[in-house]
Amino acid sequence: MAERRLAVAQVADTPRTLPARYLTPSDVAVLPGVPIETVYQWRRKRTGPRGFRVGRHLRYDPDDVRAWVESLMEGAAA
């Protein structure tokens, strides 16, 4: 699990532009085809992609979600 966090942290250290749109928890759930409650569980357990709050709304950076998925794929290949 530490490797996954490291991969996401490495992406966070590189300068980048703002995405056209941040993802909602529903958007994140659709990508791997999981229930939205699973996305909230990932957040509570700190095992999913890094999210942030805009007021009371939870949002995800598409680059962080992509890095998280890639780290899962790397872990599966090992």
PDB file of N, CA and C in Angstrom:
ATOM      1  N   MET A   1       0.826  -1.181   0.000  1.00  0.00           N
ATOM      2  CA  MET A   1       0.000   0.000   0.000  1.00  0.00           C
ATOM      3  C   MET A   1       0.876   1.253   0.000  1.00  0.00           C
ATOM      4  N   ALA A   2       2.024   1.190   0.618  1.00  0.00           N
ATOM      5  CA  ALA A   2       2.918   2.347   0.658  1.00  0.00           C
ATOM      6  C   ALA A   2       3.372   2.712  -0.741  1.00  0.00           C
ATOM      7  N   GLU A   3       3.560   1.689  -1.607  1.00  0.00           N
ATOM      8  CA  GLU A   3       3.970   1.979  -2.978  1.00  0.00           C
ATOM      9  C   GLU A   3       2.893   2.767  -3.720  1.00  0.00           C
ATOM     10  N   ARG A   4       1.613   2.437  -3.464  1.00  0.00           N
ATOM     11  CA  ARG A   4       0.526   3.163  -4.122  1.00  0.00           C
ATOM     12  C   ARG A   4       0.531   4.624  -3.725  1.00  0.00           C
ATOM     13  N   ARG A   5       0.691   4.886  -2.437  1.00  0.00           N
ATOM     14  CA  ARG A   5       0.725   6.267  -1.956  1.00  0.00           C
ATOM     15  C   ARG A   5       1.926   6.996  -2.535  1.00  0.00           C
ATOM     16  N   LEU A   6       3.058   6.296  -2.660  1.00  0.00           N
ATOM     17  CA  LEU A   6       4.263   6.900  -3.213  1.00  0.00           C
ATOM     18  C   LEU A   6       4.031   7.304  -4.660  1.00  0.00           C
ATOM     19  N   ALA A   7       3.394   6.438  -5.443  1.00  0.00           N
ATOM     20  CA  ALA A   7       3.140   6.754  -6.845  1.00  0.00           C
ATOM     21  C   ALA A   7       2.252   7.983  -6.978  1.00  0.00           C
ATOM     22  N   VAL A   8       1.227   8.070  -6.162  1.00  0.00           N
ATOM     23  CA  VAL A   8       0.337   9.224  -6.199  1.00  0.00           C
ATOM     24  C   VAL A   8       1.089  10.467  -5.745  1.00  0.00           C
ATOM     25  N   ALA A   9       1.926  10.332  -4.729  1.00  0.00           N
ATOM     26  CA  ALA A   9       2.694  11.473  -4.236  1.00  0.00           C
ATOM     27  C   ALA A   9       3.668  11.968  -5.294  1.00  0.00           C
ATOM     28  N   GLN A  10       4.265  11.071  -6.062  1.00  0.00           N
ATOM     29  CA  GLN A  10       5.184  11.477  -7.120  1.00  0.00           C
ATOM     30  C   GLN A  10       4.462  12.289  -8.183  1.00  0.00           C
ATOM     31  N   VAL A  11       3.260  11.890  -8.524  1.00  0.00           N
ATOM     32  CA  VAL A  11       2.480  12.644  -9.503  1.00  0.00           C
ATOM     33  C   VAL A  11       2.136  14.019  -8.943  1.00  0.00           C
ATOM     34  N   ALA A  12       1.840  14.093  -7.658  1.00  0.00           N
ATOM     35  CA  ALA A  12       1.443  15.354  -7.033  1.00  0.00           C
ATOM     36  C   ALA A  12       2.599  16.352  -7.002  1.00  0.00           C
ATOM     37  N   ASP A  13       3.840  15.875  -7.031  1.00  0.00           N
ATOM     38  CA  ASP A  13       4.995  16.763  -6.957  1.00  0.00           C
ATOM     39  C   ASP A  13       5.307  17.448  -8.281  1.00  0.00           C
ATOM     40  N   THR A  14       4.787  16.938  -9.386  1.00  0.00           N
ATOM     41  CA  THR A  14       5.090  17.524 -10.681  1.00  0.00           C
ATOM     42  C   THR A  14       4.118  18.663 -10.970  1.00  0.00           C
ATOM     43  N   PRO A  15       4.624  19.797 -11.470  1.00  0.00           N
ATOM     44  CA  PRO A  15       3.718  20.903 -11.781  1.00  0.00           C
ATOM     45  C   PRO A  15       2.787  20.528 -12.932  1.00  0.00           C
ATOM     46  N   ARG A  16       1.553  20.962 -12.852  1.00  0.00           N
ATOM     47  CA  ARG A  16       0.588  20.653 -13.906  1.00  0.00           C
ATOM     48  C   ARG A  16      -0.478  21.729 -13.968  1.00  0.00           C
ATOM     49  N   THR A  17      -1.219  21.724 -15.040  1.00  0.00           N
ATOM     50  CA  THR A  17      -2.288  22.693 -15.205  1.00  0.00           C
ATOM     51  C   THR A  17      -3.577  22.121 -14.616  1.00  0.00           C
ATOM     52  N   LEU A  18      -4.514  22.982 -14.367  1.00  0.00           N
ATOM     53  CA  LEU A  18      -5.805  22.530 -13.849  1.00  0.00           C
ATOM     54  C   LEU A  18      -6.558  21.765 -14.930  1.00  0.00           C
ATOM     55  N   PRO A  19      -7.228  20.678 -14.548  1.00  0.00           N
ATOM     56  CA  PRO A  19      -8.014  19.941 -15.546  1.00  0.00           C
ATOM     57  C   PRO A  19      -9.241  20.748 -15.944  1.00  0.00           C
ATOM     58  N   ALA A  20      -9.820  20.378 -17.049  1.00  0.00           N
ATOM     59  CA  ALA A  20     -11.032  21.055 -17.514  1.00  0.00           C
ATOM     60  C   ALA A  20     -12.169  20.825 -16.523  1.00  0.00           C
ATOM     61  N   ARG A  21     -12.138  19.677 -15.863  1.00  0.00           N
ATOM     62  CA  ARG A  21     -13.207  19.331 -14.923  1.00  0.00           C
ATOM     63  C   ARG A  21     -12.683  18.332 -13.909  1.00  0.00           C
ATOM     64  N   TYR A  22     -13.000  18.549 -12.640  1.00  0.00           N
ATOM     65  CA  TYR A  22     -12.660  17.583 -11.597  1.00  0.00           C
ATOM     66  C   TYR A  22     -13.750  16.523 -11.538  1.00  0.00           C
ATOM     67  N   LEU A  23     -13.391  15.328 -11.090  1.00  0.00           N
ATOM     68  CA  LEU A  23     -14.326  14.218 -11.054  1.00  0.00           C
ATOM     69  C   LEU A  23     -15.103  14.185  -9.744  1.00  0.00           C
ATOM     70  N   THR A  24     -16.346  13.789  -9.828  1.00  0.00           N
ATOM     71  CA  THR A  24     -17.187  13.592  -8.655  1.00  0.00           C
ATOM     72  C   THR A  24     -17.022  12.141  -8.187  1.00  0.00           C
ATOM     73  N   PRO A  25     -17.468  11.812  -6.978  1.00  0.00           N
ATOM     74  CA  PRO A  25     -17.426  10.409  -6.558  1.00  0.00           C
ATOM     75  C   PRO A  25     -18.187   9.488  -7.519  1.00  0.00           C
ATOM     76  N   SER A  26     -19.271   9.971  -8.096  1.00  0.00           N
ATOM     77  CA  SER A  26     -20.015   9.168  -9.077  1.00  0.00           C
ATOM     78  C   SER A  26     -19.172   8.879 -10.307  1.00  0.00           C
ATOM     79  N   ASP A  27     -18.430   9.884 -10.769  1.00  0.00           N
ATOM     80  CA  ASP A  27     -17.545   9.697 -11.918  1.00  0.00           C
ATOM     81  C   ASP A  27     -16.487   8.639 -11.620  1.00  0.00           C
ATOM     82  N   VAL A  28     -15.912   8.720 -10.416  1.00  0.00           N
ATOM     83  CA  VAL A  28     -14.866   7.772 -10.024  1.00  0.00           C
ATOM     84  C   VAL A  28     -15.446   6.359  -9.927  1.00  0.00           C
ATOM     85  N   ALA A  29     -16.655   6.220  -9.443  1.00  0.00           N
ATOM     86  CA  ALA A  29     -17.289   4.902  -9.315  1.00  0.00           C
ATOM     87  C   ALA A  29     -17.558   4.267 -10.673  1.00  0.00           C
ATOM     88  N   VAL A  30     -17.893   5.082 -11.657  1.00  0.00           N
ATOM     89  CA  VAL A  30     -18.215   4.569 -12.987  1.00  0.00           C
ATOM     90  C   VAL A  30     -16.969   3.989 -13.666  1.00  0.00           C
ATOM     91  N   LEU A  31     -15.815   4.590 -13.457  1.00  0.00           N
ATOM     92  CA  LEU A  31     -14.593   4.157 -14.147  1.00  0.00           C
ATOM     93  C   LEU A  31     -14.286   2.674 -13.927  1.00  0.00           C
ATOM     94  N   PRO A  32     -14.182   2.204 -12.674  1.00  0.00           N
ATOM     95  CA  PRO A  32     -13.939   0.766 -12.494  1.00  0.00           C
ATOM     96  C   PRO A  32     -15.224  -0.052 -12.378  1.00  0.00           C
ATOM     97  N   GLY A  33     -16.371   0.628 -12.406  1.00  0.00           N
ATOM     98  CA  GLY A  33     -17.652  -0.071 -12.333  1.00  0.00           C
ATOM     99  C   GLY A  33     -17.974  -0.588 -10.946  1.00  0.00           C
ATOM    100  N   VAL A  34     -17.748   0.255  -9.946  1.00  0.00           N
ATOM    101  CA  VAL A  34     -18.043  -0.132  -8.557  1.00  0.00           C
ATOM    102  C   VAL A  34     -19.159   0.760  -8.016  1.00  0.00           C
ATOM    103  N   PRO A  35     -19.839   0.310  -6.965  1.00  0.00           N
ATOM    104  CA  PRO A  35     -20.864   1.169  -6.355  1.00  0.00           C
ATOM    105  C   PRO A  35     -20.233   2.426  -5.751  1.00  0.00           C
ATOM    106  N   ILE A  36     -20.984   3.494  -5.704  1.00  0.00           N
ATOM    107  CA  ILE A  36     -20.471   4.760  -5.167  1.00  0.00           C
ATOM    108  C   ILE A  36     -20.055   4.608  -3.702  1.00  0.00           C
ATOM    109  N   GLU A  37     -20.733   3.752  -2.959  1.00  0.00           N
ATOM    110  CA  GLU A  37     -20.364   3.532  -1.559  1.00  0.00           C
ATOM    111  C   GLU A  37     -18.937   2.990  -1.453  1.00  0.00           C
ATOM    112  N   THR A  38     -18.497   2.224  -2.430  1.00  0.00           N
ATOM    113  CA  THR A  38     -17.118   1.722  -2.435  1.00  0.00           C
ATOM    114  C   THR A  38     -16.131   2.872  -2.513  1.00  0.00           C
ATOM    115  N   VAL A  39     -16.437   3.880  -3.296  1.00  0.00           N
ATOM    116  CA  VAL A  39     -15.564   5.056  -3.405  1.00  0.00           C
ATOM    117  C   VAL A  39     -15.469   5.746  -2.048  1.00  0.00           C
ATOM    118  N   TYR A  40     -16.577   5.874  -1.352  1.00  0.00           N
ATOM    119  CA  TYR A  40     -16.557   6.493  -0.025  1.00  0.00           C
ATOM    120  C   TYR A  40     -15.792   5.622   0.988  1.00  0.00           C
ATOM    121  N   GLN A  41     -15.899   4.307   0.858  1.00  0.00           N
ATOM    122  CA  GLN A  41     -15.127   3.417   1.735  1.00  0.00           C
ATOM    123  C   GLN A  41     -13.632   3.565   1.472  1.00  0.00           C
ATOM    124  N   TRP A  42     -13.253   3.661   0.197  1.00  0.00           N
ATOM    125  CA  TRP A  42     -11.842   3.873  -0.130  1.00  0.00           C
ATOM    126  C   TRP A  42     -11.339   5.146   0.542  1.00  0.00           C
ATOM    127  N   ARG A  43     -12.154   6.167   0.532  1.00  0.00           N
ATOM    128  CA  ARG A  43     -11.744   7.432   1.143  1.00  0.00           C
ATOM    129  C   ARG A  43     -11.592   7.286   2.656  1.00  0.00           C
ATOM    130  N   ARG A  44     -12.562   6.630   3.290  1.00  0.00           N
ATOM    131  CA  ARG A  44     -12.482   6.425   4.738  1.00  0.00           C
ATOM    132  C   ARG A  44     -11.269   5.588   5.126  1.00  0.00           C
ATOM    133  N   LYS A  45     -10.976   4.573   4.324  1.00  0.00           N
ATOM    134  CA  LYS A  45      -9.859   3.675   4.617  1.00  0.00           C
ATOM    135  C   LYS A  45      -8.521   4.205   4.086  1.00  0.00           C
ATOM    136  N   ARG A  46      -8.579   5.306   3.330  1.00  0.00           N
ATOM    137  CA  ARG A  46      -7.391   5.898   2.709  1.00  0.00           C
ATOM    138  C   ARG A  46      -6.682   4.915   1.781  1.00  0.00           C
ATOM    139  N   THR A  47      -7.455   4.169   1.007  1.00  0.00           N
ATOM    140  CA  THR A  47      -6.886   3.225   0.059  1.00  0.00           C
ATOM    141  C   THR A  47      -7.166   3.619  -1.388  1.00  0.00           C
ATOM    142  N   GLY A  48      -8.030   4.579  -1.598  1.00  0.00           N
ATOM    143  CA  GLY A  48      -8.410   4.976  -2.947  1.00  0.00           C
ATOM    144  C   GLY A  48      -7.642   6.185  -3.429  1.00  0.00           C
ATOM    145  N   PRO A  49      -8.079   6.752  -4.537  1.00  0.00           N
ATOM    146  CA  PRO A  49      -7.416   7.946  -5.058  1.00  0.00           C
ATOM    147  C   PRO A  49      -7.592   9.131  -4.112  1.00  0.00           C
ATOM    148  N   ARG A  50      -6.659  10.033  -4.172  1.00  0.00           N
ATOM    149  CA  ARG A  50      -6.695  11.213  -3.298  1.00  0.00           C
ATOM    150  C   ARG A  50      -7.824  12.142  -3.743  1.00  0.00           C
ATOM    151  N   GLY A  51      -8.662  12.530  -2.811  1.00  0.00           N
ATOM    152  CA  GLY A  51      -9.759  13.448  -3.088  1.00  0.00           C
ATOM    153  C   GLY A  51      -9.609  14.706  -2.254  1.00  0.00           C
ATOM    154  N   PHE A  52     -10.386  15.696  -2.571  1.00  0.00           N
ATOM    155  CA  PHE A  52     -10.356  16.954  -1.816  1.00  0.00           C
ATOM    156  C   PHE A  52     -11.754  17.550  -1.791  1.00  0.00           C
ATOM    157  N   ARG A  53     -11.975  18.421  -0.847  1.00  0.00           N
ATOM    158  CA  ARG A  53     -13.279  19.044  -0.694  1.00  0.00           C
ATOM    159  C   ARG A  53     -13.279  20.458  -1.274  1.00  0.00           C
ATOM    160  N   VAL A  54     -14.361  20.770  -1.943  1.00  0.00           N
ATOM    161  CA  VAL A  54     -14.653  22.128  -2.393  1.00  0.00           C
ATOM    162  C   VAL A  54     -15.949  22.467  -1.668  1.00  0.00           C
ATOM    163  N   GLY A  55     -15.799  23.168  -0.548  1.00  0.00           N
ATOM    164  CA  GLY A  55     -16.961  23.363   0.319  1.00  0.00           C
ATOM    165  C   GLY A  55     -17.380  22.026   0.878  1.00  0.00           C
ATOM    166  N   ARG A  56     -18.599  21.631   0.620  1.00  0.00           N
ATOM    167  CA  ARG A  56     -19.059  20.327   1.104  1.00  0.00           C
ATOM    168  C   ARG A  56     -18.977  19.244   0.033  1.00  0.00           C
ATOM    169  N   HIS A  57     -18.494  19.591  -1.136  1.00  0.00           N
ATOM    170  CA  HIS A  57     -18.453  18.668  -2.267  1.00  0.00           C
ATOM    171  C   HIS A  57     -17.095  17.984  -2.376  1.00  0.00           C
ATOM    172  N   LEU A  58     -17.110  16.672  -2.575  1.00  0.00           N
ATOM    173  CA  LEU A  58     -15.899  15.886  -2.737  1.00  0.00           C
ATOM    174  C   LEU A  58     -15.546  15.825  -4.223  1.00  0.00           C
ATOM    175  N   ARG A  59     -14.292  16.098  -4.532  1.00  0.00           N
ATOM    176  CA  ARG A  59     -13.829  16.070  -5.923  1.00  0.00           C
ATOM    177  C   ARG A  59     -12.509  15.323  -6.020  1.00  0.00           C
ATOM    178  N   TYR A  60     -12.224  14.820  -7.224  1.00  0.00           N
ATOM    179  CA  TYR A  60     -11.000  14.085  -7.504  1.00  0.00           C
ATOM    180  C   TYR A  60     -10.338  14.674  -8.747  1.00  0.00           C
ATOM    181  N   ASP A  61      -9.024  14.781  -8.693  1.00  0.00           N
ATOM    182  CA  ASP A  61      -8.263  15.230  -9.850  1.00  0.00           C
ATOM    183  C   ASP A  61      -8.108  14.027 -10.786  1.00  0.00           C
ATOM    184  N   PRO A  62      -8.439  14.167 -12.062  1.00  0.00           N
ATOM    185  CA  PRO A  62      -8.323  13.034 -12.989  1.00  0.00           C
ATOM    186  C   PRO A  62      -6.915  12.444 -13.038  1.00  0.00           C
ATOM    187  N   ASP A  63      -5.880  13.278 -12.912  1.00  0.00           N
ATOM    188  CA  ASP A  63      -4.506  12.765 -12.925  1.00  0.00           C
ATOM    189  C   ASP A  63      -4.222  11.897 -11.710  1.00  0.00           C
ATOM    190  N   ASP A  64      -4.748  12.274 -10.550  1.00  0.00           N
ATOM    191  CA  ASP A  64      -4.569  11.469  -9.341  1.00  0.00           C
ATOM    192  C   ASP A  64      -5.296  10.130  -9.474  1.00  0.00           C
ATOM    193  N   VAL A  65      -6.490  10.152 -10.044  1.00  0.00           N
ATOM    194  CA  VAL A  65      -7.242   8.908 -10.247  1.00  0.00           C
ATOM    195  C   VAL A  65      -6.490   8.016 -11.217  1.00  0.00           C
ATOM    196  N   ARG A  66      -5.975   8.591 -12.298  1.00  0.00           N
ATOM    197  CA  ARG A  66      -5.218   7.825 -13.285  1.00  0.00           C
ATOM    198  C   ARG A  66      -3.974   7.197 -12.642  1.00  0.00           C
ATOM    199  N   ALA A  67      -3.242   7.969 -11.844  1.00  0.00           N
ATOM    200  CA  ALA A  67      -2.049   7.457 -11.174  1.00  0.00           C
ATOM    201  C   ALA A  67      -2.410   6.330 -10.212  1.00  0.00           C
ATOM    202  N   TRP A  68      -3.526   6.471  -9.514  1.00  0.00           N
ATOM    203  CA  TRP A  68      -3.958   5.444  -8.582  1.00  0.00           C
ATOM    204  C   TRP A  68      -4.291   4.150  -9.330  1.00  0.00           C
ATOM    205  N   VAL A  69      -5.004   4.242 -10.441  1.00  0.00           N
ATOM    206  CA  VAL A  69      -5.357   3.054 -11.239  1.00  0.00           C
ATOM    207  C   VAL A  69      -4.083   2.405 -11.772  1.00  0.00           C
ATOM    208  N   GLU A  70      -3.146   3.215 -12.254  1.00  0.00           N
ATOM    209  CA  GLU A  70      -1.885   2.660 -12.775  1.00  0.00           C
ATOM    210  C   GLU A  70      -1.117   1.939 -11.672  1.00  0.00           C
ATOM    211  N   SER A  71      -1.140   2.474 -10.444  1.00  0.00           N
ATOM    212  CA  SER A  71      -0.439   1.806  -9.343  1.00  0.00           C
ATOM    213  C   SER A  71      -1.094   0.472  -9.018  1.00  0.00           C
ATOM    214  N   LEU A  72      -2.408   0.386  -9.155  1.00  0.00           N
ATOM    215  CA  LEU A  72      -3.098  -0.889  -8.944  1.00  0.00           C
ATOM    216  C   LEU A  72      -2.700  -1.887 -10.015  1.00  0.00           C
ATOM    217  N   MET A  73      -2.597  -1.420 -11.241  1.00  0.00           N
ATOM    218  CA  MET A  73      -2.226  -2.304 -12.351  1.00  0.00           C
ATOM    219  C   MET A  73      -0.779  -2.797 -12.193  1.00  0.00           C
ATOM    220  N   GLU A  74       0.103  -1.922 -11.730  1.00  0.00           N
ATOM    221  CA  GLU A  74       1.494  -2.327 -11.494  1.00  0.00           C
ATOM    222  C   GLU A  74       1.557  -3.370 -10.389  1.00  0.00           C
ATOM    223  N   GLY A  75       0.768  -3.180  -9.344  1.00  0.00           N
ATOM    224  CA  GLY A  75       0.729  -4.136  -8.243  1.00  0.00           C
ATOM    225  C   GLY A  75       0.201  -5.488  -8.666  1.00  0.00           C
ATOM    226  N   ALA A  76      -0.740  -5.498  -9.605  1.00  0.00           N
ATOM    227  CA  ALA A  76      -1.314  -6.740 -10.084  1.00  0.00           C
ATOM    228  C   ALA A  76      -0.332  -7.496 -10.978  1.00  0.00           C
ATOM    229  N   ALA A  77       0.536  -6.749 -11.661  1.00  0.00           N
ATOM    230  CA  ALA A  77       1.496  -7.372 -12.570  1.00  0.00           C
ATOM    231  C   ALA A  77       2.660  -7.993 -11.811  1.00  0.00           C
ATOM    232  N   ALA A  78       2.883  -7.561 -10.591  1.00  0.00           N
ATOM    233  CA  ALA A  78       4.038  -8.074  -9.827  1.00  0.00           C
ATOM    234  C   ALA A  78       3.778  -9.417  -9.224  1.00  0.00           C
TER     235      ALA A  78
END
